[in-house]
Amino acid sequence: MAVMDRHILFKCPQTGMNVQHRLGDAPAEGTHVSVPCPACTRLHLIDRSTGRLLGDRRS
């Protein structure tokens, strides 16, 4: 079975800029993955299933 990547778009909480990132569908431990942010050079935690930042309360 081939593993497919998908693109996610999130807003950097530090700069407010939209950031695009490729998120692999490969199985990982836990529900969140750390993503390096090119806008602020920090790491953000992204929920693998929804593509949202940890703590994002949008519905």
C-alpha atoms as a PDB file:
ATOM      1  CA  MET A   1       0.000   0.000   0.000  1.00  0.00           C
ATOM      2  CA  ALA A   2       1.449   3.382  -1.018  1.00  0.00           C
ATOM      3  CA  VAL A   3       1.775   6.156   1.548  1.00  0.00           C
ATOM      4  CA  MET A   4       0.336   9.450   0.327  1.00  0.00           C
ATOM      5  CA  ASP A   5       1.304  12.872   1.609  1.00  0.00           C
ATOM      6  CA  ARG A   6      -1.174  15.703   1.975  1.00  0.00           C
ATOM      7  CA  HIS A   7      -0.740  19.443   2.216  1.00  0.00           C
ATOM      8  CA  ILE A   8      -2.088  21.351   5.181  1.00  0.00           C
ATOM      9  CA  LEU A   9      -2.420  25.078   5.688  1.00  0.00           C
ATOM     10  CA  PHE A  10      -2.212  26.587   9.163  1.00  0.00           C
ATOM     11  CA  LYS A  11      -1.839  30.068  10.588  1.00  0.00           C
ATOM     12  CA  CYS A  12       1.355  30.643  12.564  1.00  0.00           C
ATOM     13  CA  PRO A  13       0.295  31.839  16.029  1.00  0.00           C
ATOM     14  CA  GLN A  14       3.457  33.971  16.337  1.00  0.00           C
ATOM     15  CA  THR A  15       3.361  35.872  13.034  1.00  0.00           C
ATOM     16  CA  GLY A  16      -0.228  35.397  11.822  1.00  0.00           C
ATOM     17  CA  MET A  17       1.095  34.224   8.435  1.00  0.00           C
ATOM     18  CA  ASN A  18      -0.459  31.290   6.583  1.00  0.00           C
ATOM     19  CA  VAL A  19       1.986  28.394   6.357  1.00  0.00           C
ATOM     20  CA  GLN A  20       1.736  25.409   4.019  1.00  0.00           C
ATOM     21  CA  HIS A  21       3.276  22.112   5.056  1.00  0.00           C
ATOM     22  CA  ARG A  22       3.346  18.599   3.622  1.00  0.00           C
ATOM     23  CA  LEU A  23       2.090  16.097   6.171  1.00  0.00           C
ATOM     24  CA  GLY A  24       2.840  12.441   5.558  1.00  0.00           C
ATOM     25  CA  ASP A  25       0.141   9.854   6.151  1.00  0.00           C
ATOM     26  CA  ALA A  26       2.647   7.426   7.578  1.00  0.00           C
ATOM     27  CA  PRO A  27       1.633   6.036  10.969  1.00  0.00           C
ATOM     28  CA  ALA A  28       3.127   7.928  13.885  1.00  0.00           C
ATOM     29  CA  GLU A  29       3.055   7.679  17.633  1.00  0.00           C
ATOM     30  CA  GLY A  30       0.481   9.972  19.214  1.00  0.00           C
ATOM     31  CA  THR A  31      -2.055  12.238  17.606  1.00  0.00           C
ATOM     32  CA  HIS A  32       0.176  15.294  17.037  1.00  0.00           C
ATOM     33  CA  VAL A  33       3.333  15.833  15.053  1.00  0.00           C
ATOM     34  CA  SER A  34       5.864  18.668  15.419  1.00  0.00           C
ATOM     35  CA  VAL A  35       6.172  20.856  12.333  1.00  0.00           C
ATOM     36  CA  PRO A  36       8.985  23.374  11.760  1.00  0.00           C
ATOM     37  CA  CYS A  37       7.488  26.765  10.881  1.00  0.00           C
ATOM     38  CA  PRO A  38       9.327  28.799   8.235  1.00  0.00           C
ATOM     39  CA  ALA A  39       7.466  31.964   9.314  1.00  0.00           C
ATOM     40  CA  CYS A  40       8.779  32.082  12.900  1.00  0.00           C
ATOM     41  CA  THR A  41      11.407  29.270  12.919  1.00  0.00           C
ATOM     42  CA  ARG A  42       9.686  27.565  15.878  1.00  0.00           C
ATOM     43  CA  LEU A  43       8.027  24.161  16.127  1.00  0.00           C
ATOM     44  CA  HIS A  44       4.239  23.866  16.206  1.00  0.00           C
ATOM     45  CA  LEU A  45       2.215  20.781  17.121  1.00  0.00           C
ATOM     46  CA  ILE A  46      -0.255  19.760  14.428  1.00  0.00           C
ATOM     47  CA  ASP A  47      -3.063  17.228  14.856  1.00  0.00           C
ATOM     48  CA  ARG A  48      -2.387  14.546  12.227  1.00  0.00           C
ATOM     49  CA  SER A  49      -6.062  13.806  11.585  1.00  0.00           C
ATOM     50  CA  THR A  50      -7.401  17.386  11.284  1.00  0.00           C
ATOM     51  CA  GLY A  51      -4.310  19.391  10.293  1.00  0.00           C
ATOM     52  CA  ARG A  52      -5.051  21.936  13.041  1.00  0.00           C
ATOM     53  CA  LEU A  53      -2.667  23.447  15.543  1.00  0.00           C
ATOM     54  CA  LEU A  54      -2.747  22.142  19.094  1.00  0.00           C
ATOM     55  CA  GLY A  55      -5.111  24.427  21.013  1.00  0.00           C
ATOM     56  CA  ASP A  56      -6.940  25.692  17.907  1.00  0.00           C
ATOM     57  CA  ARG A  57     -10.561  26.031  19.017  1.00  0.00           C
ATOM     58  CA  ARG A  58     -12.165  26.662  15.598  1.00  0.00           C
ATOM     59  CA  SER A  59     -15.121  24.402  14.879  1.00  0.00           C
END
